[in-house]
Amino acid sequence: MARKPRLDLSGCTQHIIQRGNNRQVCFVSEEDFSLYAHYLYKASKKFGVDIHAWVFMTNHVHLLVTPKVAGAVSTMMLSVGRRYVRYFNHTYQRTGTLWEGRFKSCLVDSE
């Protein structure tokens, strides 16, 4: 069965949720949080996504974002996810997936 296409439209604010696989811990240390934030900042600038708010929990992430161009959120999250998983797996001597499938997103009404 094919995946449903995402609504990733320019100028439309979205609430993003990315969970750890089986709700496992994705951030062990303060350095992990800092590095994820750094990767997110760099990717948001590169792909044209405004980040309004974020919450990093030990096993998941919430973001409030607005893309400047269509498709930018997906590209940003792919970039951040790949970089962070490489770092996490190397640092904690593990292999395999860290995230629970694709990130979840929903449009946010401006009112």
PDB file of N, CA and C in Angstrom:
ATOM      1  N   MET A   1       0.850  -1.174   0.000  1.00  0.00           N
ATOM      2  CA  MET A   1       0.000   0.000   0.000  1.00  0.00           C
ATOM      3  C   MET A   1       0.896   1.237   0.000  1.00  0.00           C
ATOM      4  N   ALA A   2       0.579   2.182  -0.853  1.00  0.00           N
ATOM      5  CA  ALA A   2       1.371   3.407  -0.971  1.00  0.00           C
ATOM      6  C   ALA A   2       1.132   4.334   0.218  1.00  0.00           C
ATOM      7  N   ARG A   3       2.160   5.117   0.514  1.00  0.00           N
ATOM      8  CA  ARG A   3       2.026   6.108   1.590  1.00  0.00           C
ATOM      9  C   ARG A   3       1.157   7.262   1.114  1.00  0.00           C
ATOM     10  N   LYS A   4       0.436   7.863   2.045  1.00  0.00           N
ATOM     11  CA  LYS A   4      -0.327   9.063   1.718  1.00  0.00           C
ATOM     12  C   LYS A   4       0.649  10.219   1.537  1.00  0.00           C
ATOM     13  N   PRO A   5       0.427  11.058   0.540  1.00  0.00           N
ATOM     14  CA  PRO A   5       1.339  12.203   0.355  1.00  0.00           C
ATOM     15  C   PRO A   5       1.197  13.193   1.509  1.00  0.00           C
ATOM     16  N   ARG A   6       2.298  13.854   1.826  1.00  0.00           N
ATOM     17  CA  ARG A   6       2.287  14.857   2.893  1.00  0.00           C
ATOM     18  C   ARG A   6       1.778  16.185   2.355  1.00  0.00           C
ATOM     19  N   LEU A   7       1.159  16.944   3.225  1.00  0.00           N
ATOM     20  CA  LEU A   7       0.846  18.336   2.920  1.00  0.00           C
ATOM     21  C   LEU A   7       2.013  19.160   3.442  1.00  0.00           C
ATOM     22  N   ASP A   8       2.891  19.529   2.565  1.00  0.00           N
ATOM     23  CA  ASP A   8       4.097  20.280   2.930  1.00  0.00           C
ATOM     24  C   ASP A   8       4.146  21.518   2.028  1.00  0.00           C
ATOM     25  N   LEU A   9       3.265  22.450   2.312  1.00  0.00           N
ATOM     26  CA  LEU A   9       3.079  23.631   1.473  1.00  0.00           C
ATOM     27  C   LEU A   9       3.853  24.821   2.019  1.00  0.00           C
ATOM     28  N   SER A  10       4.337  25.654   1.120  1.00  0.00           N
ATOM     29  CA  SER A  10       5.068  26.839   1.567  1.00  0.00           C
ATOM     30  C   SER A  10       4.136  27.773   2.334  1.00  0.00           C
ATOM     31  N   GLY A  11       4.645  28.322   3.424  1.00  0.00           N
ATOM     32  CA  GLY A  11       3.892  29.280   4.223  1.00  0.00           C
ATOM     33  C   GLY A  11       2.873  28.688   5.174  1.00  0.00           C
ATOM     34  N   CYS A  12       2.710  27.371   5.193  1.00  0.00           N
ATOM     35  CA  CYS A  12       1.741  26.715   6.082  1.00  0.00           C
ATOM     36  C   CYS A  12       2.474  26.130   7.291  1.00  0.00           C
ATOM     37  N   THR A  13       2.148  26.624   8.467  1.00  0.00           N
ATOM     38  CA  THR A  13       2.787  26.177   9.700  1.00  0.00           C
ATOM     39  C   THR A  13       2.382  24.745  10.019  1.00  0.00           C
ATOM     40  N   GLN A  14       3.351  23.965  10.497  1.00  0.00           N
ATOM     41  CA  GLN A  14       3.123  22.556  10.806  1.00  0.00           C
ATOM     42  C   GLN A  14       3.657  22.195  12.187  1.00  0.00           C
ATOM     43  N   HIS A  15       2.967  21.251  12.809  1.00  0.00           N
ATOM     44  CA  HIS A  15       3.441  20.648  14.061  1.00  0.00           C
ATOM     45  C   HIS A  15       4.062  19.309  13.671  1.00  0.00           C
ATOM     46  N   ILE A  16       5.343  19.140  13.973  1.00  0.00           N
ATOM     47  CA  ILE A  16       6.095  17.936  13.616  1.00  0.00           C
ATOM     48  C   ILE A  16       6.371  17.127  14.882  1.00  0.00           C
ATOM     49  N   ILE A  17       6.185  15.813  14.782  1.00  0.00           N
ATOM     50  CA  ILE A  17       6.531  14.906  15.881  1.00  0.00           C
ATOM     51  C   ILE A  17       7.405  13.794  15.318  1.00  0.00           C
ATOM     52  N   GLN A  18       8.552  13.567  15.946  1.00  0.00           N
ATOM     53  CA  GLN A  18       9.450  12.472  15.561  1.00  0.00           C
ATOM     54  C   GLN A  18       9.725  11.671  16.819  1.00  0.00           C
ATOM     55  N   ARG A  19       9.343  10.398  16.811  1.00  0.00           N
ATOM     56  CA  ARG A  19       9.502   9.538  17.982  1.00  0.00           C
ATOM     57  C   ARG A  19      10.633   8.543  17.791  1.00  0.00           C
ATOM     58  N   GLY A  20      11.219   8.156  18.905  1.00  0.00           N
ATOM     59  CA  GLY A  20      12.211   7.090  18.884  1.00  0.00           C
ATOM     60  C   GLY A  20      11.537   5.759  18.609  1.00  0.00           C
ATOM     61  N   ASN A  21      12.243   4.857  17.939  1.00  0.00           N
ATOM     62  CA  ASN A  21      11.713   3.538  17.636  1.00  0.00           C
ATOM     63  C   ASN A  21      11.331   2.825  18.935  1.00  0.00           C
ATOM     64  N   ASN A  22      10.114   2.313  18.993  1.00  0.00           N
ATOM     65  CA  ASN A  22       9.591   1.674  20.211  1.00  0.00           C
ATOM     66  C   ASN A  22       9.682   2.613  21.418  1.00  0.00           C
ATOM     67  N   ARG A  23       9.639   3.909  21.136  1.00  0.00           N
ATOM     68  CA  ARG A  23       9.723   4.961  22.160  1.00  0.00           C
ATOM     69  C   ARG A  23      11.008   4.883  22.982  1.00  0.00           C
ATOM     70  N   GLN A  24      12.057   4.363  22.352  1.00  0.00           N
ATOM     71  CA  GLN A  24      13.349   4.269  23.043  1.00  0.00           C
ATOM     72  C   GLN A  24      13.999   5.638  23.164  1.00  0.00           C
ATOM     73  N   VAL A  25      14.964   5.743  24.030  1.00  0.00           N
ATOM     74  CA  VAL A  25      15.688   6.989  24.264  1.00  0.00           C
ATOM     75  C   VAL A  25      16.492   7.361  23.018  1.00  0.00           C
ATOM     76  N   CYS A  26      16.374   8.619  22.609  1.00  0.00           N
ATOM     77  CA  CYS A  26      17.108   9.148  21.448  1.00  0.00           C
ATOM     78  C   CYS A  26      18.130  10.196  21.866  1.00  0.00           C
ATOM     79  N   PHE A  27      17.999  10.675  23.094  1.00  0.00           N
ATOM     80  CA  PHE A  27      18.907  11.686  23.626  1.00  0.00           C
ATOM     81  C   PHE A  27      19.348  11.218  25.010  1.00  0.00           C
ATOM     82  N   VAL A  28      20.621  10.866  25.129  1.00  0.00           N
ATOM     83  CA  VAL A  28      21.147  10.339  26.386  1.00  0.00           C
ATOM     84  C   VAL A  28      21.793  11.449  27.207  1.00  0.00           C
ATOM     85  N   SER A  29      22.495  12.351  26.530  1.00  0.00           N
ATOM     86  CA  SER A  29      23.248  13.389  27.234  1.00  0.00           C
ATOM     87  C   SER A  29      22.852  14.777  26.738  1.00  0.00           C
ATOM     88  N   GLU A  30      23.313  15.788  27.462  1.00  0.00           N
ATOM     89  CA  GLU A  30      23.087  17.177  27.037  1.00  0.00           C
ATOM     90  C   GLU A  30      23.745  17.438  25.681  1.00  0.00           C
ATOM     91  N   GLU A  31      24.885  16.790  25.450  1.00  0.00           N
ATOM     92  CA  GLU A  31      25.570  16.942  24.164  1.00  0.00           C
ATOM     93  C   GLU A  31      24.695  16.452  23.015  1.00  0.00           C
ATOM     94  N   ASP A  32      23.928  15.383  23.249  1.00  0.00           N
ATOM     95  CA  ASP A  32      23.019  14.867  22.220  1.00  0.00           C
ATOM     96  C   ASP A  32      21.971  15.922  21.854  1.00  0.00           C
ATOM     97  N   PHE A  33      21.365  16.523  22.872  1.00  0.00           N
ATOM     98  CA  PHE A  33      20.369  17.567  22.626  1.00  0.00           C
ATOM     99  C   PHE A  33      20.990  18.728  21.843  1.00  0.00           C
ATOM    100  N   SER A  34      22.169  19.151  22.257  1.00  0.00           N
ATOM    101  CA  SER A  34      22.852  20.280  21.623  1.00  0.00           C
ATOM    102  C   SER A  34      23.200  19.986  20.172  1.00  0.00           C
ATOM    103  N   LEU A  35      23.689  18.800  19.920  1.00  0.00           N
ATOM    104  CA  LEU A  35      24.066  18.449  18.557  1.00  0.00           C
ATOM    105  C   LEU A  35      22.840  18.351  17.658  1.00  0.00           C
ATOM    106  N   TYR A  36      21.752  17.767  18.153  1.00  0.00           N
ATOM    107  CA  TYR A  36      20.514  17.696  17.366  1.00  0.00           C
ATOM    108  C   TYR A  36      20.029  19.110  17.044  1.00  0.00           C
ATOM    109  N   ALA A  37      20.070  20.001  18.028  1.00  0.00           N
ATOM    110  CA  ALA A  37      19.652  21.390  17.811  1.00  0.00           C
ATOM    111  C   ALA A  37      20.536  22.061  16.759  1.00  0.00           C
ATOM    112  N   HIS A  38      21.830  21.788  16.810  1.00  0.00           N
ATOM    113  CA  HIS A  38      22.758  22.348  15.822  1.00  0.00           C
ATOM    114  C   HIS A  38      22.423  21.829  14.421  1.00  0.00           C
ATOM    115  N   TYR A  39      22.238  20.522  14.282  1.00  0.00           N
ATOM    116  CA  TYR A  39      21.879  19.943  12.984  1.00  0.00           C
ATOM    117  C   TYR A  39      20.560  20.533  12.480  1.00  0.00           C
ATOM    118  N   LEU A  40      19.605  20.691  13.384  1.00  0.00           N
ATOM    119  CA  LEU A  40      18.301  21.249  13.008  1.00  0.00           C
ATOM    120  C   LEU A  40      18.439  22.690  12.537  1.00  0.00           C
ATOM    121  N   TYR A  41      19.206  23.480  13.240  1.00  0.00           N
ATOM    122  CA  TYR A  41      19.421  24.878  12.864  1.00  0.00           C
ATOM    123  C   TYR A  41      20.059  24.970  11.474  1.00  0.00           C
ATOM    124  N   LYS A  42      21.130  24.201  11.257  1.00  0.00           N
ATOM    125  CA  LYS A  42      21.824  24.229   9.966  1.00  0.00           C
ATOM    126  C   LYS A  42      20.890  23.809   8.829  1.00  0.00           C
ATOM    127  N   ALA A  43      20.139  22.730   9.036  1.00  0.00           N
ATOM    128  CA  ALA A  43      19.231  22.241   7.992  1.00  0.00           C
ATOM    129  C   ALA A  43      18.091  23.214   7.737  1.00  0.00           C
ATOM    130  N   SER A  44      17.598  23.873   8.785  1.00  0.00           N
ATOM    131  CA  SER A  44      16.497  24.828   8.594  1.00  0.00           C
ATOM    132  C   SER A  44      16.950  26.003   7.739  1.00  0.00           C
ATOM    133  N   LYS A  45      18.175  26.448   7.924  1.00  0.00           N
ATOM    134  CA  LYS A  45      18.725  27.541   7.108  1.00  0.00           C
ATOM    135  C   LYS A  45      18.959  27.079   5.675  1.00  0.00           C
ATOM    136  N   LYS A  46      19.511  25.898   5.533  1.00  0.00           N
ATOM    137  CA  LYS A  46      19.838  25.373   4.200  1.00  0.00           C
ATOM    138  C   LYS A  46      18.593  25.141   3.345  1.00  0.00           C
ATOM    139  N   PHE A  47      17.513  24.634   3.958  1.00  0.00           N
ATOM    140  CA  PHE A  47      16.330  24.255   3.200  1.00  0.00           C
ATOM    141  C   PHE A  47      15.181  25.257   3.298  1.00  0.00           C
ATOM    142  N   GLY A  48      15.373  26.342   4.042  1.00  0.00           N
ATOM    143  CA  GLY A  48      14.368  27.393   4.093  1.00  0.00           C
ATOM    144  C   GLY A  48      13.142  27.070   4.931  1.00  0.00           C
ATOM    145  N   VAL A  49      13.383  26.720   6.181  1.00  0.00           N
ATOM    146  CA  VAL A  49      12.289  26.410   7.110  1.00  0.00           C
ATOM    147  C   VAL A  49      12.460  27.279   8.349  1.00  0.00           C
ATOM    148  N   ASP A  50      11.426  28.022   8.703  1.00  0.00           N
ATOM    149  CA  ASP A  50      11.440  28.806   9.941  1.00  0.00           C
ATOM    150  C   ASP A  50      11.007  27.912  11.090  1.00  0.00           C
ATOM    151  N   ILE A  51      11.792  27.889  12.162  1.00  0.00           N
ATOM    152  CA  ILE A  51      11.456  27.109  13.351  1.00  0.00           C
ATOM    153  C   ILE A  51      10.979  28.086  14.413  1.00  0.00           C
ATOM    154  N   HIS A  52       9.729  27.930  14.835  1.00  0.00           N
ATOM    155  CA  HIS A  52       9.123  28.846  15.813  1.00  0.00           C
ATOM    156  C   HIS A  52       9.274  28.346  17.243  1.00  0.00           C
ATOM    157  N   ALA A  53       9.214  27.038  17.408  1.00  0.00           N
ATOM    158  CA  ALA A  53       9.303  26.457  18.757  1.00  0.00           C
ATOM    159  C   ALA A  53       9.730  25.002  18.640  1.00  0.00           C
ATOM    160  N   TRP A  54      10.324  24.488  19.706  1.00  0.00           N
ATOM    161  CA  TRP A  54      10.706  23.085  19.738  1.00  0.00           C
ATOM    162  C   TRP A  54      10.672  22.599  21.164  1.00  0.00           C
ATOM    163  N   VAL A  55      10.474  21.295  21.291  1.00  0.00           N
ATOM    164  CA  VAL A  55      10.569  20.605  22.577  1.00  0.00           C
ATOM    165  C   VAL A  55      11.313  19.311  22.298  1.00  0.00           C
ATOM    166  N   PHE A  56      12.428  19.118  22.963  1.00  0.00           N
ATOM    167  CA  PHE A  56      13.197  17.885  22.840  1.00  0.00           C
ATOM    168  C   PHE A  56      12.996  17.088  24.123  1.00  0.00           C
ATOM    169  N   MET A  57      12.357  15.961  24.012  1.00  0.00           N
ATOM    170  CA  MET A  57      12.195  15.043  25.135  1.00  0.00           C
ATOM    171  C   MET A  57      13.235  13.932  24.959  1.00  0.00           C
ATOM    172  N   THR A  58      13.396  13.082  25.953  1.00  0.00           N
ATOM    173  CA  THR A  58      14.416  12.039  25.835  1.00  0.00           C
ATOM    174  C   THR A  58      14.106  11.052  24.714  1.00  0.00           C
ATOM    175  N   ASN A  59      12.821  10.849  24.409  1.00  0.00           N
ATOM    176  CA  ASN A  59      12.488   9.847  23.395  1.00  0.00           C
ATOM    177  C   ASN A  59      11.701  10.386  22.200  1.00  0.00           C
ATOM    178  N   HIS A  60      11.521  11.696  22.102  1.00  0.00           N
ATOM    179  CA  HIS A  60      10.859  12.259  20.939  1.00  0.00           C
ATOM    180  C   HIS A  60      11.080  13.763  20.845  1.00  0.00           C
ATOM    181  N   VAL A  61      10.664  14.310  19.699  1.00  0.00           N
ATOM    182  CA  VAL A  61      10.869  15.724  19.395  1.00  0.00           C
ATOM    183  C   VAL A  61       9.557  16.310  18.894  1.00  0.00           C
ATOM    184  N   HIS A  62       9.249  17.531  19.324  1.00  0.00           N
ATOM    185  CA  HIS A  62       8.139  18.310  18.770  1.00  0.00           C
ATOM    186  C   HIS A  62       8.717  19.579  18.162  1.00  0.00           C
ATOM    187  N   LEU A  63       8.250  19.929  16.966  1.00  0.00           N
ATOM    188  CA  LEU A  63       8.693  21.158  16.305  1.00  0.00           C
ATOM    189  C   LEU A  63       7.482  21.903  15.769  1.00  0.00           C
ATOM    190  N   LEU A  64       7.546  23.228  15.802  1.00  0.00           N
ATOM    191  CA  LEU A  64       6.555  24.078  15.158  1.00  0.00           C
ATOM    192  C   LEU A  64       7.306  24.843  14.077  1.00  0.00           C
ATOM    193  N   VAL A  65       6.995  24.546  12.814  1.00  0.00           N
ATOM    194  CA  VAL A  65       7.797  25.058  11.700  1.00  0.00           C
ATOM    195  C   VAL A  65       6.912  25.616  10.583  1.00  0.00           C
ATOM    196  N   THR A  66       7.502  26.511   9.791  1.00  0.00           N
ATOM    197  CA  THR A  66       6.864  27.022   8.582  1.00  0.00           C
ATOM    198  C   THR A  66       7.881  26.985   7.449  1.00  0.00           C
ATOM    199  N   PRO A  67       7.613  26.185   6.413  1.00  0.00           N
ATOM    200  CA  PRO A  67       8.533  26.127   5.284  1.00  0.00           C
ATOM    201  C   PRO A  67       8.342  27.323   4.357  1.00  0.00           C
ATOM    202  N   LYS A  68       9.438  27.781   3.751  1.00  0.00           N
ATOM    203  CA  LYS A  68       9.368  28.881   2.790  1.00  0.00           C
ATOM    204  C   LYS A  68       9.075  28.363   1.387  1.00  0.00           C
ATOM    205  N   VAL A  69       9.381  27.082   1.151  1.00  0.00           N
ATOM    206  CA  VAL A  69       9.084  26.449  -0.132  1.00  0.00           C
ATOM    207  C   VAL A  69       8.448  25.077   0.126  1.00  0.00           C
ATOM    208  N   ALA A  70       7.632  24.638  -0.814  1.00  0.00           N
ATOM    209  CA  ALA A  70       6.971  23.346  -0.686  1.00  0.00           C
ATOM    210  C   ALA A  70       8.011  22.228  -0.627  1.00  0.00           C
ATOM    211  N   GLY A  71       7.797  21.272   0.253  1.00  0.00           N
ATOM    212  CA  GLY A  71       8.686  20.126   0.379  1.00  0.00           C
ATOM    213  C   GLY A  71       9.881  20.328   1.286  1.00  0.00           C
ATOM    214  N   ALA A  72      10.067  21.528   1.795  1.00  0.00           N
ATOM    215  CA  ALA A  72      11.260  21.833   2.587  1.00  0.00           C
ATOM    216  C   ALA A  72      11.286  21.106   3.932  1.00  0.00           C
ATOM    217  N   VAL A  73      10.140  20.901   4.548  1.00  0.00           N
ATOM    218  CA  VAL A  73      10.120  20.240   5.859  1.00  0.00           C
ATOM    219  C   VAL A  73      10.614  18.798   5.729  1.00  0.00           C
ATOM    220  N   SER A  74      10.119  18.092   4.731  1.00  0.00           N
ATOM    221  CA  SER A  74      10.548  16.703   4.531  1.00  0.00           C
ATOM    222  C   SER A  74      12.047  16.620   4.277  1.00  0.00           C
ATOM    223  N   THR A  75      12.555  17.512   3.445  1.00  0.00           N
ATOM    224  CA  THR A  75      13.981  17.514   3.136  1.00  0.00           C
ATOM    225  C   THR A  75      14.809  17.834   4.381  1.00  0.00           C
ATOM    226  N   MET A  76      14.347  18.803   5.166  1.00  0.00           N
ATOM    227  CA  MET A  76      15.043  19.180   6.395  1.00  0.00           C
ATOM    228  C   MET A  76      15.076  18.010   7.381  1.00  0.00           C
ATOM    229  N   MET A  77      13.929  17.376   7.598  1.00  0.00           N
ATOM    230  CA  MET A  77      13.863  16.277   8.561  1.00  0.00           C
ATOM    231  C   MET A  77      14.689  15.076   8.101  1.00  0.00           C
ATOM    232  N   LEU A  78      14.734  14.815   6.812  1.00  0.00           N
ATOM    233  CA  LEU A  78      15.568  13.740   6.287  1.00  0.00           C
ATOM    234  C   LEU A  78      17.040  14.029   6.559  1.00  0.00           C
ATOM    235  N   SER A  79      17.450  15.249   6.308  1.00  0.00           N
ATOM    236  CA  SER A  79      18.840  15.645   6.522  1.00  0.00           C
ATOM    237  C   SER A  79      19.229  15.546   7.998  1.00  0.00           C
ATOM    238  N   VAL A  80      18.411  16.100   8.865  1.00  0.00           N
ATOM    239  CA  VAL A  80      18.688  16.069  10.307  1.00  0.00           C
ATOM    240  C   VAL A  80      18.709  14.630  10.807  1.00  0.00           C
ATOM    241  N   GLY A  81      17.700  13.859  10.424  1.00  0.00           N
ATOM    242  CA  GLY A  81      17.610  12.474  10.876  1.00  0.00           C
ATOM    243  C   GLY A  81      18.820  11.649  10.490  1.00  0.00           C
ATOM    244  N   ARG A  82      19.243  11.756   9.243  1.00  0.00           N
ATOM    245  CA  ARG A  82      20.396  10.978   8.791  1.00  0.00           C
ATOM    246  C   ARG A  82      21.663  11.345   9.553  1.00  0.00           C
ATOM    247  N   ARG A  83      21.910  12.632   9.705  1.00  0.00           N
ATOM    248  CA  ARG A  83      23.128  13.064  10.404  1.00  0.00           C
ATOM    249  C   ARG A  83      23.105  12.637  11.863  1.00  0.00           C
ATOM    250  N   TYR A  84      21.955  12.836  12.514  1.00  0.00           N
ATOM    251  CA  TYR A  84      21.877  12.534  13.942  1.00  0.00           C
ATOM    252  C   TYR A  84      21.987  11.029  14.198  1.00  0.00           C
ATOM    253  N   VAL A  85      21.335  10.213  13.376  1.00  0.00           N
ATOM    254  CA  VAL A  85      21.403   8.760  13.572  1.00  0.00           C
ATOM    255  C   VAL A  85      22.828   8.255  13.400  1.00  0.00           C
ATOM    256  N   ARG A  86      23.561   8.768  12.413  1.00  0.00           N
ATOM    257  CA  ARG A  86      24.972   8.385  12.250  1.00  0.00           C
ATOM    258  C   ARG A  86      25.766   8.710  13.505  1.00  0.00           C
ATOM    259  N   TYR A  87      25.571   9.932  14.025  1.00  0.00           N
ATOM    260  CA  TYR A  87      26.263  10.341  15.259  1.00  0.00           C
ATOM    261  C   TYR A  87      25.862   9.428  16.421  1.00  0.00           C
ATOM    262  N   PHE A  88      24.569   9.230  16.635  1.00  0.00           N
ATOM    263  CA  PHE A  88      24.067   8.472  17.782  1.00  0.00           C
ATOM    264  C   PHE A  88      24.562   7.029  17.743  1.00  0.00           C
ATOM    265  N   ASN A  89      24.449   6.399  16.565  1.00  0.00           N
ATOM    266  CA  ASN A  89      24.887   5.006  16.448  1.00  0.00           C
ATOM    267  C   ASN A  89      26.393   4.872  16.680  1.00  0.00           C
ATOM    268  N   HIS A  90      27.165   5.799  16.162  1.00  0.00           N
ATOM    269  CA  HIS A  90      28.617   5.750  16.371  1.00  0.00           C
ATOM    270  C   HIS A  90      28.962   5.985  17.848  1.00  0.00           C
ATOM    271  N   THR A  91      28.352   6.994  18.441  1.00  0.00           N
ATOM    272  CA  THR A  91      28.654   7.363  19.830  1.00  0.00           C
ATOM    273  C   THR A  91      28.288   6.258  20.819  1.00  0.00           C
ATOM    274  N   TYR A  92      27.131   5.621  20.606  1.00  0.00           N
ATOM    275  CA  TYR A  92      26.642   4.634  21.556  1.00  0.00           C
ATOM    276  C   TYR A  92      26.832   3.195  21.057  1.00  0.00           C
ATOM    277  N   GLN A  93      27.699   3.033  20.058  1.00  0.00           N
ATOM    278  CA  GLN A  93      28.089   1.730  19.535  1.00  0.00           C
ATOM    279  C   GLN A  93      26.886   0.826  19.284  1.00  0.00           C
ATOM    280  N   ARG A  94      26.006   1.333  18.448  1.00  0.00           N
ATOM    281  CA  ARG A  94      24.810   0.583  18.094  1.00  0.00           C
ATOM    282  C   ARG A  94      24.610   0.642  16.598  1.00  0.00           C
ATOM    283  N   THR A  95      23.657  -0.116  16.088  1.00  0.00           N
ATOM    284  CA  THR A  95      23.330  -0.100  14.672  1.00  0.00           C
ATOM    285  C   THR A  95      21.816  -0.052  14.521  1.00  0.00           C
ATOM    286  N   GLY A  96      21.378   0.227  13.313  1.00  0.00           N
ATOM    287  CA  GLY A  96      19.954   0.164  13.019  1.00  0.00           C
ATOM    288  C   GLY A  96      19.245   1.496  13.165  1.00  0.00           C
ATOM    289  N   THR A  97      17.942   1.401  13.069  1.00  0.00           N
ATOM    290  CA  THR A  97      17.104   2.590  13.078  1.00  0.00           C
ATOM    291  C   THR A  97      16.994   3.197  14.469  1.00  0.00           C
ATOM    292  N   LEU A  98      16.851   4.477  14.494  1.00  0.00           N
ATOM    293  CA  LEU A  98      16.640   5.195  15.754  1.00  0.00           C
ATOM    294  C   LEU A  98      15.216   5.718  15.821  1.00  0.00           C
ATOM    295  N   TRP A  99      14.694   6.138  14.676  1.00  0.00           N
ATOM    296  CA  TRP A  99      13.373   6.769  14.615  1.00  0.00           C
ATOM    297  C   TRP A  99      12.287   5.768  14.275  1.00  0.00           C
ATOM    298  N   GLU A 100      11.090   6.057  14.738  1.00  0.00           N
ATOM    299  CA  GLU A 100       9.911   5.222  14.514  1.00  0.00           C
ATOM    300  C   GLU A 100       9.266   5.620  13.186  1.00  0.00           C
ATOM    301  N   GLY A 101       9.827   5.172  12.100  1.00  0.00           N
ATOM    302  CA  GLY A 101       9.266   5.472  10.783  1.00  0.00           C
ATOM    303  C   GLY A 101       9.376   6.947  10.430  1.00  0.00           C
ATOM    304  N   ARG A 102       8.496   7.392   9.551  1.00  0.00           N
ATOM    305  CA  ARG A 102       8.491   8.785   9.121  1.00  0.00           C
ATOM    306  C   ARG A 102       7.996   9.673  10.262  1.00  0.00           C
ATOM    307  N   PHE A 103       8.421  10.925  10.235  1.00  0.00           N
ATOM    308  CA  PHE A 103       7.907  11.872  11.215  1.00  0.00           C
ATOM    309  C   PHE A 103       6.429  12.113  10.952  1.00  0.00           C
ATOM    310  N   LYS A 104       5.725  12.528  11.964  1.00  0.00           N
ATOM    311  CA  LYS A 104       4.310  12.858  11.814  1.00  0.00           C
ATOM    312  C   LYS A 104       4.170  14.366  11.745  1.00  0.00           C
ATOM    313  N   SER A 105       3.202  14.816  10.972  1.00  0.00           N
ATOM    314  CA  SER A 105       3.005  16.268  10.849  1.00  0.00           C
ATOM    315  C   SER A 105       1.527  16.559  10.683  1.00  0.00           C
ATOM    316  N   CYS A 106       1.147  17.732  11.146  1.00  0.00           N
ATOM    317  CA  CYS A 106      -0.204  18.217  10.917  1.00  0.00           C
ATOM    318  C   CYS A 106      -0.146  19.733  10.745  1.00  0.00           C
ATOM    319  N   LEU A 107      -1.034  20.243   9.918  1.00  0.00           N
ATOM    320  CA  LEU A 107      -1.085  21.682   9.684  1.00  0.00           C
ATOM    321  C   LEU A 107      -1.658  22.376  10.902  1.00  0.00           C
ATOM    322  N   VAL A 108      -1.170  23.600  11.153  1.00  0.00           N
ATOM    323  CA  VAL A 108      -1.620  24.372  12.301  1.00  0.00           C
ATOM    324  C   VAL A 108      -2.392  25.575  11.784  1.00  0.00           C
ATOM    325  N   ASP A 109      -3.596  25.786  12.304  1.00  0.00           N
ATOM    326  CA  ASP A 109      -4.401  26.946  11.921  1.00  0.00           C
ATOM    327  C   ASP A 109      -3.802  28.183  12.542  1.00  0.00           C
ATOM    328  N   SER A 110      -3.603  29.221  11.766  1.00  0.00           N
ATOM    329  CA  SER A 110      -2.938  30.425  12.260  1.00  0.00           C
ATOM    330  C   SER A 110      -3.724  31.133  13.347  1.00  0.00           C
ATOM    331  N   GLU A 111      -5.019  30.929  13.414  1.00  0.00           N
ATOM    332  CA  GLU A 111      -5.807  31.581  14.460  1.00  0.00           C
ATOM    333  C   GLU A 111      -5.618  30.859  15.775  1.00  0.00           C
TER     334      GLU A 111
END
